[in-house]
Amino acid sequence: MGRLTEIRCAVIGYGMGKFHAEEIERTDGMRLVAICDVNPKRLEQAENDFPKAKTYQRVEELLTDGDFDLAVIVTPHNSHAPLTLKFLKAGKHVVVEKPMCITVKEATAMIETAKQKGLMLTVYHNRHWDGDFMAIREVVESGIIGEIFHVEMFGGGYYQPGYQWRSEKSASGGLFYDWGAHYLWWLLQLIPHPIESVVGSFHKLKWHDVTNEDHVQAFIRFANGAVADVQFSTIASAGKPRWFILGTEGAIVDRWEGKFSLYFFVNGVRAETQVPYKQSRWFEFYRNVANHLLRGEELAIKPEQARRVIAIMEYAERSAKQGGKALALPYEQS
């Protein structure tokens, strides 16, 4: 395809899609031209919020007009793969909300179709630019804590999940597919090594009026020997730090309080300091997409990287169903 001079964008799903529409309108080189949602009330709100954009209630109607370059998919998780494939096959670039999809098979079909069509596919991992994560990554990359060999990550608490599609496994993919998509993306940025194996543990013990699991865990072993233990829970009566990172020369403990604790050594004496979070820069996602399509800038969030996140979540559940067997992941090379 020829290089674009302006990116005409269509947002599919106007719940969280409103945030995407606002970000698009703030990004040089991008223009919101269409919004699609099955809910008439949300479409009415979209028309009030963005009167210059055309509105559609059906994807087929949007594709029939086809007067756009980029589809932004902001719909329930189980619809990500089929909608992405539909738009790619129609010749449209695609941004799809995280998680990318539910299974590695879906992710691979999405990636291969984009390559065959010569189109951009990326996943909205905007929290790549979270201020807390950027501060942690900067410290890790400085070398002050040495090489990471052990990570623990935790999210959740003790609460009834609520009655919404995110609590229904058939639509959401399960408990892991919510914040797990963020946590695992962060983890894979800090430990850039192939994954050797994943062991999963899944519990369904308390909230039987919804279908998501109550507690999920993935124990990840990397090819360099580093390990990570990632847990999410709705039945945890006591919490843990969000990050507990051990390196050969120090450690990081973060409780999501605007700063994190950094432990390191000075002349053999252990020191401790508090490191404040940076300012989040979520706008960098669409800035990068625009520069990629308009000027050839390297894509920051590559779909192959996002597929690794999906693989961990999918294979952790497979492992749990096999009694905690350690499983190798597809597309990982040691």
C-alpha atoms as a PDB file:
ATOM      1  CA  MET A   1       0.000   0.000   0.000  1.00  0.00           C
ATOM      2  CA  GLY A   2       1.126   3.542  -0.625  1.00  0.00           C
ATOM      3  CA  ARG A   3       2.149   5.747   2.297  1.00  0.00           C
ATOM      4  CA  LEU A   4      -0.783   7.636   3.811  1.00  0.00           C
ATOM      5  CA  THR A   5      -0.836  11.408   4.184  1.00  0.00           C
ATOM      6  CA  GLU A   6      -3.663  11.368   6.747  1.00  0.00           C
ATOM      7  CA  ILE A   7      -5.105   8.498   8.775  1.00  0.00           C
ATOM      8  CA  ARG A   8      -8.903   8.358   8.749  1.00  0.00           C
ATOM      9  CA  CYS A   9     -10.000   6.393  11.817  1.00  0.00           C
ATOM     10  CA  ALA A  10     -13.113   4.396  12.696  1.00  0.00           C
ATOM     11  CA  VAL A  11     -13.781   3.419  16.322  1.00  0.00           C
ATOM     12  CA  ILE A  12     -15.760   0.228  16.860  1.00  0.00           C
ATOM     13  CA  GLY A  13     -17.321   0.118  20.334  1.00  0.00           C
ATOM     14  CA  TYR A  14     -18.210   3.398  22.058  1.00  0.00           C
ATOM     15  CA  GLY A  15     -17.828   2.468  25.716  1.00  0.00           C
ATOM     16  CA  MET A  16     -14.095   2.803  26.267  1.00  0.00           C
ATOM     17  CA  GLY A  17     -14.049   3.776  22.606  1.00  0.00           C
ATOM     18  CA  LYS A  18     -14.783   7.365  23.620  1.00  0.00           C
ATOM     19  CA  PHE A  19     -11.307   7.568  25.180  1.00  0.00           C
ATOM     20  CA  HIS A  20      -9.757   6.275  21.949  1.00  0.00           C
ATOM     21  CA  ALA A  21     -11.735   8.792  19.904  1.00  0.00           C
ATOM     22  CA  GLU A  22     -10.461  11.625  22.088  1.00  0.00           C
ATOM     23  CA  GLU A  23      -6.859  10.413  21.787  1.00  0.00           C
ATOM     24  CA  ILE A  24      -7.184  10.119  18.008  1.00  0.00           C
ATOM     25  CA  GLU A  25      -8.517  13.666  17.718  1.00  0.00           C
ATOM     26  CA  ARG A  26      -5.531  14.921  19.736  1.00  0.00           C
ATOM     27  CA  THR A  27      -2.973  13.158  17.545  1.00  0.00           C
ATOM     28  CA  ASP A  28      -1.386  14.968  14.580  1.00  0.00           C
ATOM     29  CA  GLY A  29      -2.055  13.193  11.308  1.00  0.00           C
ATOM     30  CA  MET A  30      -5.135  11.328  12.549  1.00  0.00           C
ATOM     31  CA  ARG A  31      -8.824  12.149  12.071  1.00  0.00           C
ATOM     32  CA  LEU A  32     -11.899  10.452  13.510  1.00  0.00           C
ATOM     33  CA  VAL A  33     -14.373   9.839  10.692  1.00  0.00           C
ATOM     34  CA  ALA A  34     -16.632   7.029  11.970  1.00  0.00           C
ATOM     35  CA  ILE A  35     -17.997   5.413  15.136  1.00  0.00           C
ATOM     36  CA  CYS A  36     -19.786   2.062  15.249  1.00  0.00           C
ATOM     37  CA  ASP A  37     -21.740   0.615  18.175  1.00  0.00           C
ATOM     38  CA  VAL A  38     -24.670  -1.791  18.442  1.00  0.00           C
ATOM     39  CA  ASN A  39     -26.236   0.275  21.258  1.00  0.00           C
ATOM     40  CA  PRO A  40     -28.430   3.154  19.926  1.00  0.00           C
ATOM     41  CA  LYS A  41     -28.017   5.163  23.138  1.00  0.00           C
ATOM     42  CA  ARG A  42     -24.233   5.028  22.904  1.00  0.00           C
ATOM     43  CA  LEU A  43     -24.428   6.035  19.253  1.00  0.00           C
ATOM     44  CA  GLU A  44     -26.569   9.019  20.198  1.00  0.00           C
ATOM     45  CA  GLN A  45     -23.941  10.031  22.741  1.00  0.00           C
ATOM     46  CA  ALA A  46     -21.214   9.566  20.121  1.00  0.00           C
ATOM     47  CA  GLU A  47     -23.066  11.861  17.728  1.00  0.00           C
ATOM     48  CA  ASN A  48     -23.207  14.541  20.427  1.00  0.00           C
ATOM     49  CA  ASP A  49     -19.548  14.097  21.354  1.00  0.00           C
ATOM     50  CA  PHE A  50     -18.185  13.919  17.785  1.00  0.00           C
ATOM     51  CA  PRO A  51     -20.709  15.505  15.406  1.00  0.00           C
ATOM     52  CA  LYS A  52     -18.309  15.361  12.428  1.00  0.00           C
ATOM     53  CA  ALA A  53     -17.988  11.564  12.598  1.00  0.00           C
ATOM     54  CA  LYS A  54     -20.466   9.276  10.828  1.00  0.00           C
ATOM     55  CA  THR A  55     -22.185   6.703  13.036  1.00  0.00           C
ATOM     56  CA  TYR A  56     -23.094   3.101  12.283  1.00  0.00           C
ATOM     57  CA  GLN A  57     -24.925   0.407  14.242  1.00  0.00           C
ATOM     58  CA  ARG A  58     -23.519  -2.515  12.261  1.00  0.00           C
ATOM     59  CA  VAL A  59     -19.951  -3.312  11.223  1.00  0.00           C
ATOM     60  CA  GLU A  60     -21.210  -4.386   7.793  1.00  0.00           C
ATOM     61  CA  GLU A  61     -22.624  -0.898   7.201  1.00  0.00           C
ATOM     62  CA  LEU A  62     -19.335   0.676   8.203  1.00  0.00           C
ATOM     63  CA  LEU A  63     -17.406  -1.604   5.857  1.00  0.00           C
ATOM     64  CA  THR A  64     -19.810  -0.946   2.995  1.00  0.00           C
ATOM     65  CA  ASP A  65     -18.985   2.760   3.177  1.00  0.00           C
ATOM     66  CA  GLY A  66     -15.332   1.899   3.764  1.00  0.00           C
ATOM     67  CA  ASP A  67     -14.185   5.525   3.833  1.00  0.00           C
ATOM     68  CA  PHE A  68     -11.489   5.011   6.481  1.00  0.00           C
ATOM     69  CA  ASP A  69      -7.941   3.660   6.819  1.00  0.00           C
ATOM     70  CA  LEU A  70      -7.670   2.443  10.417  1.00  0.00           C
ATOM     71  CA  ALA A  71     -10.133   0.403  12.484  1.00  0.00           C
ATOM     72  CA  VAL A  72      -9.873   0.787  16.269  1.00  0.00           C
ATOM     73  CA  ILE A  73     -11.553  -2.189  17.950  1.00  0.00           C
ATOM     74  CA  VAL A  74     -12.799  -1.525  21.497  1.00  0.00           C
ATOM     75  CA  THR A  75     -15.197  -4.410  22.100  1.00  0.00           C
ATOM     76  CA  PRO A  76     -15.413  -7.472  24.434  1.00  0.00           C
ATOM     77  CA  HIS A  77     -12.345  -9.687  24.380  1.00  0.00           C
ATOM     78  CA  ASN A  78     -13.931 -12.637  22.567  1.00  0.00           C
ATOM     79  CA  SER A  79     -14.798 -10.387  19.605  1.00  0.00           C
ATOM     80  CA  HIS A  80     -11.264  -9.046  19.100  1.00  0.00           C
ATOM     81  CA  ALA A  81     -10.027 -11.785  16.777  1.00  0.00           C
ATOM     82  CA  PRO A  82     -13.091 -12.083  14.488  1.00  0.00           C
ATOM     83  CA  LEU A  83     -13.447  -8.311  14.130  1.00  0.00           C
ATOM     84  CA  THR A  84      -9.716  -7.804  13.542  1.00  0.00           C
ATOM     85  CA  LEU A  85      -9.720 -10.445  10.817  1.00  0.00           C
ATOM     86  CA  LYS A  86     -12.818  -8.900   9.226  1.00  0.00           C
ATOM     87  CA  PHE A  87     -11.204  -5.463   9.000  1.00  0.00           C
ATOM     88  CA  LEU A  88      -7.806  -6.741   7.882  1.00  0.00           C
ATOM     89  CA  LYS A  89      -9.417  -8.745   5.097  1.00  0.00           C
ATOM     90  CA  ALA A  90     -11.230  -5.562   4.070  1.00  0.00           C
ATOM     91  CA  GLY A  91      -7.858  -3.823   3.672  1.00  0.00           C
ATOM     92  CA  LYS A  92      -7.867  -1.761   6.891  1.00  0.00           C
ATOM     93  CA  HIS A  93      -5.056  -1.211   9.374  1.00  0.00           C
ATOM     94  CA  VAL A  94      -6.089  -2.292  12.886  1.00  0.00           C
ATOM     95  CA  VAL A  95      -5.582  -1.170  16.473  1.00  0.00           C
ATOM     96  CA  VAL A  96      -7.187  -3.692  18.833  1.00  0.00           C
ATOM     97  CA  GLU A  97      -7.681  -3.181  22.550  1.00  0.00           C
ATOM     98  CA  LYS A  98      -5.791  -5.357  24.962  1.00  0.00           C
ATOM     99  CA  PRO A  99      -5.860  -8.252  25.489  1.00  0.00           C
ATOM    100  CA  MET A 100      -5.122  -8.944  21.855  1.00  0.00           C
ATOM    101  CA  CYS A 101      -7.501 -11.945  21.799  1.00  0.00           C
ATOM    102  CA  ILE A 102      -8.156 -15.148  23.764  1.00  0.00           C
ATOM    103  CA  THR A 103      -5.877 -17.786  22.199  1.00  0.00           C
ATOM    104  CA  VAL A 104      -2.508 -18.071  20.488  1.00  0.00           C
ATOM    105  CA  LYS A 105      -4.273 -19.583  17.463  1.00  0.00           C
ATOM    106  CA  GLU A 106      -6.360 -16.419  17.119  1.00  0.00           C
ATOM    107  CA  ALA A 107      -3.316 -14.177  17.581  1.00  0.00           C
ATOM    108  CA  THR A 108      -1.383 -16.052  14.909  1.00  0.00           C
ATOM    109  CA  ALA A 109      -4.258 -15.791  12.437  1.00  0.00           C
ATOM    110  CA  MET A 110      -4.386 -12.049  13.057  1.00  0.00           C
ATOM    111  CA  ILE A 111      -0.628 -11.627  12.615  1.00  0.00           C
ATOM    112  CA  GLU A 112      -0.442 -13.731   9.460  1.00  0.00           C
ATOM    113  CA  THR A 113      -3.418 -11.989   7.863  1.00  0.00           C
ATOM    114  CA  ALA A 114      -1.900  -8.555   8.520  1.00  0.00           C
ATOM    115  CA  LYS A 115       1.380  -9.675   6.940  1.00  0.00           C
ATOM    116  CA  GLN A 116      -0.378 -11.170   3.919  1.00  0.00           C
ATOM    117  CA  LYS A 117      -2.311  -7.949   3.386  1.00  0.00           C
ATOM    118  CA  GLY A 118       0.652  -5.656   4.045  1.00  0.00           C
ATOM    119  CA  LEU A 119      -1.241  -3.910   6.843  1.00  0.00           C
ATOM    120  CA  MET A 120      -0.406  -2.628  10.304  1.00  0.00           C
ATOM    121  CA  LEU A 121      -1.712  -4.580  13.298  1.00  0.00           C
ATOM    122  CA  THR A 122      -0.997  -3.380  16.812  1.00  0.00           C
ATOM    123  CA  VAL A 123      -2.462  -3.822  20.285  1.00  0.00           C
ATOM    124  CA  TYR A 124      -3.440  -0.985  22.602  1.00  0.00           C
ATOM    125  CA  HIS A 125      -0.882  -1.631  25.330  1.00  0.00           C
ATOM    126  CA  ASN A 126      -1.001   2.015  26.365  1.00  0.00           C
ATOM    127  CA  ARG A 127       0.246   1.163  29.855  1.00  0.00           C
ATOM    128  CA  HIS A 128       3.646   0.598  28.276  1.00  0.00           C
ATOM    129  CA  TRP A 129       3.827   4.344  28.990  1.00  0.00           C
ATOM    130  CA  ASP A 130       2.488   4.262  32.575  1.00  0.00           C
ATOM    131  CA  GLY A 131       4.538   6.559  34.788  1.00  0.00           C
ATOM    132  CA  ASP A 132       5.048   3.912  37.464  1.00  0.00           C
ATOM    133  CA  PHE A 133       6.256   1.300  34.981  1.00  0.00           C
ATOM    134  CA  MET A 134       8.524   3.769  33.172  1.00  0.00           C
ATOM    135  CA  ALA A 135      10.168   4.656  36.488  1.00  0.00           C
ATOM    136  CA  ILE A 136      10.705   0.992  37.360  1.00  0.00           C
ATOM    137  CA  ARG A 137      12.051   0.184  33.906  1.00  0.00           C
ATOM    138  CA  GLU A 138      14.476   3.126  34.075  1.00  0.00           C
ATOM    139  CA  VAL A 139      15.878   1.871  37.374  1.00  0.00           C
ATOM    140  CA  VAL A 140      16.173  -1.699  36.066  1.00  0.00           C
ATOM    141  CA  GLU A 141      17.896  -0.563  32.873  1.00  0.00           C
ATOM    142  CA  SER A 142      20.348   1.560  34.884  1.00  0.00           C
ATOM    143  CA  GLY A 143      21.783  -1.670  36.293  1.00  0.00           C
ATOM    144  CA  ILE A 144      21.558  -0.537  39.906  1.00  0.00           C
ATOM    145  CA  ILE A 145      19.757  -3.726  41.023  1.00  0.00           C
ATOM    146  CA  GLY A 146      21.823  -5.979  38.769  1.00  0.00           C
ATOM    147  CA  GLU A 147      20.217  -8.808  36.818  1.00  0.00           C
ATOM    148  CA  ILE A 148      16.636  -9.682  37.719  1.00  0.00           C
ATOM    149  CA  PHE A 149      16.292 -13.300  38.834  1.00  0.00           C
ATOM    150  CA  HIS A 150      12.974 -13.322  40.722  1.00  0.00           C
ATOM    151  CA  VAL A 151       9.717 -11.366  40.287  1.00  0.00           C
ATOM    152  CA  GLU A 152       6.406 -11.557  42.130  1.00  0.00           C
ATOM    153  CA  MET A 153       3.378  -9.614  40.892  1.00  0.00           C
ATOM    154  CA  PHE A 154      -0.046  -9.408  42.511  1.00  0.00           C
ATOM    155  CA  GLY A 155      -3.361  -7.764  41.748  1.00  0.00           C
ATOM    156  CA  GLY A 156      -6.787  -7.952  43.292  1.00  0.00           C
ATOM    157  CA  GLY A 157      -8.370  -8.378  46.691  1.00  0.00           C
ATOM    158  CA  TYR A 158     -11.527  -9.833  48.208  1.00  0.00           C
ATOM    159  CA  TYR A 159     -14.670  -8.680  46.400  1.00  0.00           C
ATOM    160  CA  GLN A 160     -17.677  -9.865  44.405  1.00  0.00           C
ATOM    161  CA  PRO A 161     -16.647  -9.297  40.764  1.00  0.00           C
ATOM    162  CA  GLY A 162     -19.941  -7.744  39.647  1.00  0.00           C
ATOM    163  CA  TYR A 163     -22.346  -8.720  36.899  1.00  0.00           C
ATOM    164  CA  GLN A 164     -20.833  -7.595  33.601  1.00  0.00           C
ATOM    165  CA  TRP A 165     -19.233  -9.160  30.545  1.00  0.00           C
ATOM    166  CA  ARG A 166     -15.775  -8.860  32.118  1.00  0.00           C
ATOM    167  CA  SER A 167     -16.911 -11.364  34.758  1.00  0.00           C
ATOM    168  CA  GLU A 168     -18.147 -13.906  32.215  1.00  0.00           C
ATOM    169  CA  LYS A 169     -15.427 -16.255  31.010  1.00  0.00           C
ATOM    170  CA  SER A 170     -16.931 -16.866  27.557  1.00  0.00           C
ATOM    171  CA  ALA A 171     -16.644 -13.139  26.782  1.00  0.00           C
ATOM    172  CA  SER A 172     -13.643 -12.066  28.854  1.00  0.00           C
ATOM    173  CA  GLY A 173     -11.382 -15.117  28.587  1.00  0.00           C
ATOM    174  CA  GLY A 174     -11.204 -15.330  32.373  1.00  0.00           C
ATOM    175  CA  LEU A 175      -9.816 -13.426  35.344  1.00  0.00           C
ATOM    176  CA  PHE A 176      -6.287 -13.360  33.903  1.00  0.00           C
ATOM    177  CA  TYR A 177      -7.417 -11.477  30.786  1.00  0.00           C
ATOM    178  CA  ASP A 178      -8.172  -8.208  32.552  1.00  0.00           C
ATOM    179  CA  TRP A 179      -5.233  -6.722  34.460  1.00  0.00           C
ATOM    180  CA  GLY A 180      -3.146  -9.745  33.537  1.00  0.00           C
ATOM    181  CA  ALA A 181      -2.706  -8.307  30.058  1.00  0.00           C
ATOM    182  CA  HIS A 182      -1.034  -5.240  31.586  1.00  0.00           C
ATOM    183  CA  TYR A 183       1.077  -7.039  34.182  1.00  0.00           C
ATOM    184  CA  LEU A 184       2.426  -9.629  31.765  1.00  0.00           C
ATOM    185  CA  TRP A 185       3.286  -6.966  29.192  1.00  0.00           C
ATOM    186  CA  TRP A 186       5.299  -5.120  31.851  1.00  0.00           C
ATOM    187  CA  LEU A 187       7.009  -8.303  32.989  1.00  0.00           C
ATOM    188  CA  LEU A 188       8.106  -9.209  29.475  1.00  0.00           C
ATOM    189  CA  GLN A 189       9.648  -5.766  29.013  1.00  0.00           C
ATOM    190  CA  LEU A 190      11.780  -6.200  32.135  1.00  0.00           C
ATOM    191  CA  ILE A 191      12.864  -9.780  31.396  1.00  0.00           C
ATOM    192  CA  PRO A 192      13.555  -9.849  27.634  1.00  0.00           C
ATOM    193  CA  HIS A 193      14.380 -13.543  27.460  1.00  0.00           C
ATOM    194  CA  PRO A 194      12.537 -16.471  25.879  1.00  0.00           C
ATOM    195  CA  ILE A 195      10.098 -18.287  28.136  1.00  0.00           C
ATOM    196  CA  GLU A 196      11.113 -21.833  28.993  1.00  0.00           C
ATOM    197  CA  SER A 197       7.880 -22.961  30.666  1.00  0.00           C
ATOM    198  CA  VAL A 198       4.668 -21.882  32.381  1.00  0.00           C
ATOM    199  CA  VAL A 199       2.905 -23.577  35.293  1.00  0.00           C
ATOM    200  CA  GLY A 200      -0.642 -22.512  36.168  1.00  0.00           C
ATOM    201  CA  SER A 201      -2.941 -22.767  39.168  1.00  0.00           C
ATOM    202  CA  PHE A 202      -6.609 -21.728  38.824  1.00  0.00           C
ATOM    203  CA  HIS A 203      -9.281 -21.716  41.563  1.00  0.00           C
ATOM    204  CA  LYS A 204     -13.070 -21.427  41.419  1.00  0.00           C
ATOM    205  CA  LEU A 205     -14.175 -21.469  45.058  1.00  0.00           C
ATOM    206  CA  LYS A 206     -16.373 -18.519  46.016  1.00  0.00           C
ATOM    207  CA  TRP A 207     -18.159 -16.428  43.366  1.00  0.00           C
ATOM    208  CA  HIS A 208     -20.329 -19.010  41.625  1.00  0.00           C
ATOM    209  CA  ASP A 209     -22.791 -16.428  40.268  1.00  0.00           C
ATOM    210  CA  VAL A 210     -20.167 -15.369  37.697  1.00  0.00           C
ATOM    211  CA  THR A 211     -18.052 -17.634  35.494  1.00  0.00           C
ATOM    212  CA  ASN A 212     -14.579 -16.090  35.776  1.00  0.00           C
ATOM    213  CA  GLU A 213     -12.121 -17.820  38.084  1.00  0.00           C
ATOM    214  CA  ASP A 214     -11.705 -16.494  41.642  1.00  0.00           C
ATOM    215  CA  HIS A 215      -7.906 -16.795  41.790  1.00  0.00           C
ATOM    216  CA  VAL A 216      -5.351 -17.404  39.038  1.00  0.00           C
ATOM    217  CA  GLN A 217      -1.592 -17.847  39.079  1.00  0.00           C
ATOM    218  CA  ALA A 218       1.141 -18.311  36.500  1.00  0.00           C
ATOM    219  CA  PHE A 219       4.652 -19.381  37.442  1.00  0.00           C
ATOM    220  CA  ILE A 220       6.935 -18.446  34.543  1.00  0.00           C
ATOM    221  CA  ARG A 221      10.467 -19.711  34.027  1.00  0.00           C
ATOM    222  CA  PHE A 222      12.703 -17.869  31.560  1.00  0.00           C
ATOM    223  CA  ALA A 223      15.554 -19.323  29.534  1.00  0.00           C
ATOM    224  CA  ASN A 224      18.150 -17.359  31.546  1.00  0.00           C
ATOM    225  CA  GLY A 225      16.921 -18.924  34.809  1.00  0.00           C
ATOM    226  CA  ALA A 226      14.823 -15.982  36.006  1.00  0.00           C
ATOM    227  CA  VAL A 227      11.387 -16.828  37.412  1.00  0.00           C
ATOM    228  CA  ALA A 228       8.169 -14.873  37.873  1.00  0.00           C
ATOM    229  CA  ASP A 229       5.076 -15.592  39.949  1.00  0.00           C
ATOM    230  CA  VAL A 230       2.035 -13.603  38.750  1.00  0.00           C
ATOM    231  CA  GLN A 231      -1.254 -13.770  40.680  1.00  0.00           C
ATOM    232  CA  PHE A 232      -4.714 -12.194  40.428  1.00  0.00           C
ATOM    233  CA  SER A 233      -7.480 -12.760  42.915  1.00  0.00           C
ATOM    234  CA  THR A 234     -10.996 -11.830  43.964  1.00  0.00           C
ATOM    235  CA  ILE A 235     -10.720 -13.964  47.129  1.00  0.00           C
ATOM    236  CA  ALA A 236      -7.462 -12.652  48.612  1.00  0.00           C
ATOM    237  CA  SER A 237      -8.227 -11.539  52.179  1.00  0.00           C
ATOM    238  CA  ALA A 238      -4.744 -10.043  52.453  1.00  0.00           C
ATOM    239  CA  GLY A 239      -2.811  -8.215  49.796  1.00  0.00           C
ATOM    240  CA  LYS A 240       0.777  -8.256  48.586  1.00  0.00           C
ATOM    241  CA  PRO A 241       2.988  -5.685  46.853  1.00  0.00           C
ATOM    242  CA  ARG A 242       2.152  -5.190  43.202  1.00  0.00           C
ATOM    243  CA  TRP A 243       5.855  -5.634  42.322  1.00  0.00           C
ATOM    244  CA  PHE A 244       8.482  -7.561  44.295  1.00  0.00           C
ATOM    245  CA  ILE A 245      11.622  -7.628  42.141  1.00  0.00           C
ATOM    246  CA  LEU A 246      14.902  -9.198  43.230  1.00  0.00           C
ATOM    247  CA  GLY A 247      18.090  -8.496  41.320  1.00  0.00           C
ATOM    248  CA  THR A 248      21.631  -9.639  41.933  1.00  0.00           C
ATOM    249  CA  GLU A 249      22.544  -6.195  43.321  1.00  0.00           C
ATOM    250  CA  GLY A 250      19.290  -4.896  44.799  1.00  0.00           C
ATOM    251  CA  ALA A 251      15.505  -4.986  44.813  1.00  0.00           C
ATOM    252  CA  ILE A 252      12.319  -3.061  44.035  1.00  0.00           C
ATOM    253  CA  VAL A 253       9.080  -3.210  46.032  1.00  0.00           C
ATOM    254  CA  ASP A 254       6.067  -1.303  44.733  1.00  0.00           C
ATOM    255  CA  ARG A 255       2.646  -0.988  46.376  1.00  0.00           C
ATOM    256  CA  TRP A 256       1.145   1.445  43.816  1.00  0.00           C
ATOM    257  CA  GLU A 257       1.422   4.436  46.147  1.00  0.00           C
ATOM    258  CA  GLY A 258       2.957   7.056  43.848  1.00  0.00           C
ATOM    259  CA  LYS A 259       6.488   5.837  44.562  1.00  0.00           C
ATOM    260  CA  PHE A 260       8.364   2.570  45.072  1.00  0.00           C
ATOM    261  CA  SER A 261      11.077   1.368  47.397  1.00  0.00           C
ATOM    262  CA  LEU A 262      14.504   0.780  45.879  1.00  0.00           C
ATOM    263  CA  TYR A 263      17.102  -1.283  47.754  1.00  0.00           C
ATOM    264  CA  PHE A 264      20.753  -1.279  46.670  1.00  0.00           C
ATOM    265  CA  PHE A 265      24.274  -1.429  48.095  1.00  0.00           C
ATOM    266  CA  VAL A 266      26.876   1.288  48.617  1.00  0.00           C
ATOM    267  CA  ASN A 267      30.325  -0.026  49.574  1.00  0.00           C
ATOM    268  CA  GLY A 268      28.708  -3.207  50.867  1.00  0.00           C
ATOM    269  CA  VAL A 269      26.104  -1.387  52.956  1.00  0.00           C
ATOM    270  CA  ARG A 270      22.453  -1.793  52.022  1.00  0.00           C
ATOM    271  CA  ALA A 271      20.689   1.472  51.261  1.00  0.00           C
ATOM    272  CA  GLU A 272      17.017   2.242  50.698  1.00  0.00           C
ATOM    273  CA  THR A 273      15.343   5.134  48.894  1.00  0.00           C
ATOM    274  CA  GLN A 274      11.934   6.025  47.511  1.00  0.00           C
ATOM    275  CA  VAL A 275      11.638   6.595  43.769  1.00  0.00           C
ATOM    276  CA  PRO A 276       8.653   8.672  42.574  1.00  0.00           C
ATOM    277  CA  TYR A 277       6.628   7.621  39.546  1.00  0.00           C
ATOM    278  CA  LYS A 278       7.068   9.485  36.298  1.00  0.00           C
ATOM    279  CA  GLN A 279       4.279  11.258  34.440  1.00  0.00           C
ATOM    280  CA  SER A 280       2.289   8.806  32.323  1.00  0.00           C
ATOM    281  CA  ARG A 281       2.474   9.351  28.560  1.00  0.00           C
ATOM    282  CA  TRP A 282      -0.402   7.339  27.122  1.00  0.00           C
ATOM    283  CA  PHE A 283      -0.568   9.692  24.138  1.00  0.00           C
ATOM    284  CA  GLU A 284       2.656   8.079  22.898  1.00  0.00           C
ATOM    285  CA  PHE A 285       0.660   5.088  21.634  1.00  0.00           C
ATOM    286  CA  TYR A 286      -1.284   6.934  18.944  1.00  0.00           C
ATOM    287  CA  ARG A 287       1.630   9.250  18.256  1.00  0.00           C
ATOM    288  CA  ASN A 288       3.676   6.154  17.408  1.00  0.00           C
ATOM    289  CA  VAL A 289       0.897   4.643  15.281  1.00  0.00           C
ATOM    290  CA  ALA A 290       0.578   7.870  13.313  1.00  0.00           C
ATOM    291  CA  ASN A 291       4.328   8.164  12.802  1.00  0.00           C
ATOM    292  CA  HIS A 292       4.536   4.508  11.802  1.00  0.00           C
ATOM    293  CA  LEU A 293       1.867   4.809   9.109  1.00  0.00           C
ATOM    294  CA  LEU A 294       2.804   8.295   7.919  1.00  0.00           C
ATOM    295  CA  ARG A 295       6.590   8.330   8.291  1.00  0.00           C
ATOM    296  CA  GLY A 296       7.760   4.738   8.707  1.00  0.00           C
ATOM    297  CA  GLU A 297       8.676   4.958  12.408  1.00  0.00           C
ATOM    298  CA  GLU A 298       9.183   1.563  14.048  1.00  0.00           C
ATOM    299  CA  LEU A 299       6.040   0.233  15.664  1.00  0.00           C
ATOM    300  CA  ALA A 300       6.368   0.306  19.456  1.00  0.00           C
ATOM    301  CA  ILE A 301       3.816  -2.411  20.223  1.00  0.00           C
ATOM    302  CA  LYS A 302       4.393  -5.302  17.858  1.00  0.00           C
ATOM    303  CA  PRO A 303       1.689  -7.978  17.577  1.00  0.00           C
ATOM    304  CA  GLU A 304       4.221 -10.779  18.014  1.00  0.00           C
ATOM    305  CA  GLN A 305       5.064  -9.333  21.441  1.00  0.00           C
ATOM    306  CA  ALA A 306       1.390  -9.090  22.374  1.00  0.00           C
ATOM    307  CA  ARG A 307       0.934 -12.734  21.349  1.00  0.00           C
ATOM    308  CA  ARG A 308       3.410 -13.758  24.079  1.00  0.00           C
ATOM    309  CA  VAL A 309       1.071 -12.222  26.686  1.00  0.00           C
ATOM    310  CA  ILE A 310      -1.825 -14.275  25.329  1.00  0.00           C
ATOM    311  CA  ALA A 311       0.318 -17.421  25.314  1.00  0.00           C
ATOM    312  CA  ILE A 312       1.161 -17.100  29.020  1.00  0.00           C
ATOM    313  CA  MET A 313      -2.495 -16.684  30.016  1.00  0.00           C
ATOM    314  CA  GLU A 314      -3.756 -19.471  27.762  1.00  0.00           C
ATOM    315  CA  TYR A 315      -1.051 -21.959  28.697  1.00  0.00           C
ATOM    316  CA  ALA A 316      -1.288 -21.182  32.419  1.00  0.00           C
ATOM    317  CA  GLU A 317      -4.884 -22.377  32.253  1.00  0.00           C
ATOM    318  CA  ARG A 318      -3.903 -25.418  30.178  1.00  0.00           C
ATOM    319  CA  SER A 319      -1.285 -26.253  32.795  1.00  0.00           C
ATOM    320  CA  ALA A 320      -3.800 -25.918  35.623  1.00  0.00           C
ATOM    321  CA  LYS A 321      -6.164 -28.305  33.848  1.00  0.00           C
ATOM    322  CA  GLN A 322      -3.280 -30.790  33.571  1.00  0.00           C
ATOM    323  CA  GLY A 323      -2.547 -30.718  37.290  1.00  0.00           C
ATOM    324  CA  GLY A 324       0.145 -28.047  37.185  1.00  0.00           C
ATOM    325  CA  LYS A 325       2.266 -29.563  34.436  1.00  0.00           C
ATOM    326  CA  ALA A 326       5.044 -27.287  33.155  1.00  0.00           C
ATOM    327  CA  LEU A 327       4.232 -26.359  29.558  1.00  0.00           C
ATOM    328  CA  ALA A 328       6.413 -24.883  26.839  1.00  0.00           C
ATOM    329  CA  LEU A 329       4.912 -22.012  24.859  1.00  0.00           C
ATOM    330  CA  PRO A 330       4.606 -21.835  21.056  1.00  0.00           C
ATOM    331  CA  TYR A 331       6.840 -19.352  19.195  1.00  0.00           C
ATOM    332  CA  GLU A 332       9.360 -19.198  22.058  1.00  0.00           C
ATOM    333  CA  GLN A 333      12.989 -19.985  21.215  1.00  0.00           C
ATOM    334  CA  SER A 334      15.763 -20.504  23.732  1.00  0.00           C
END
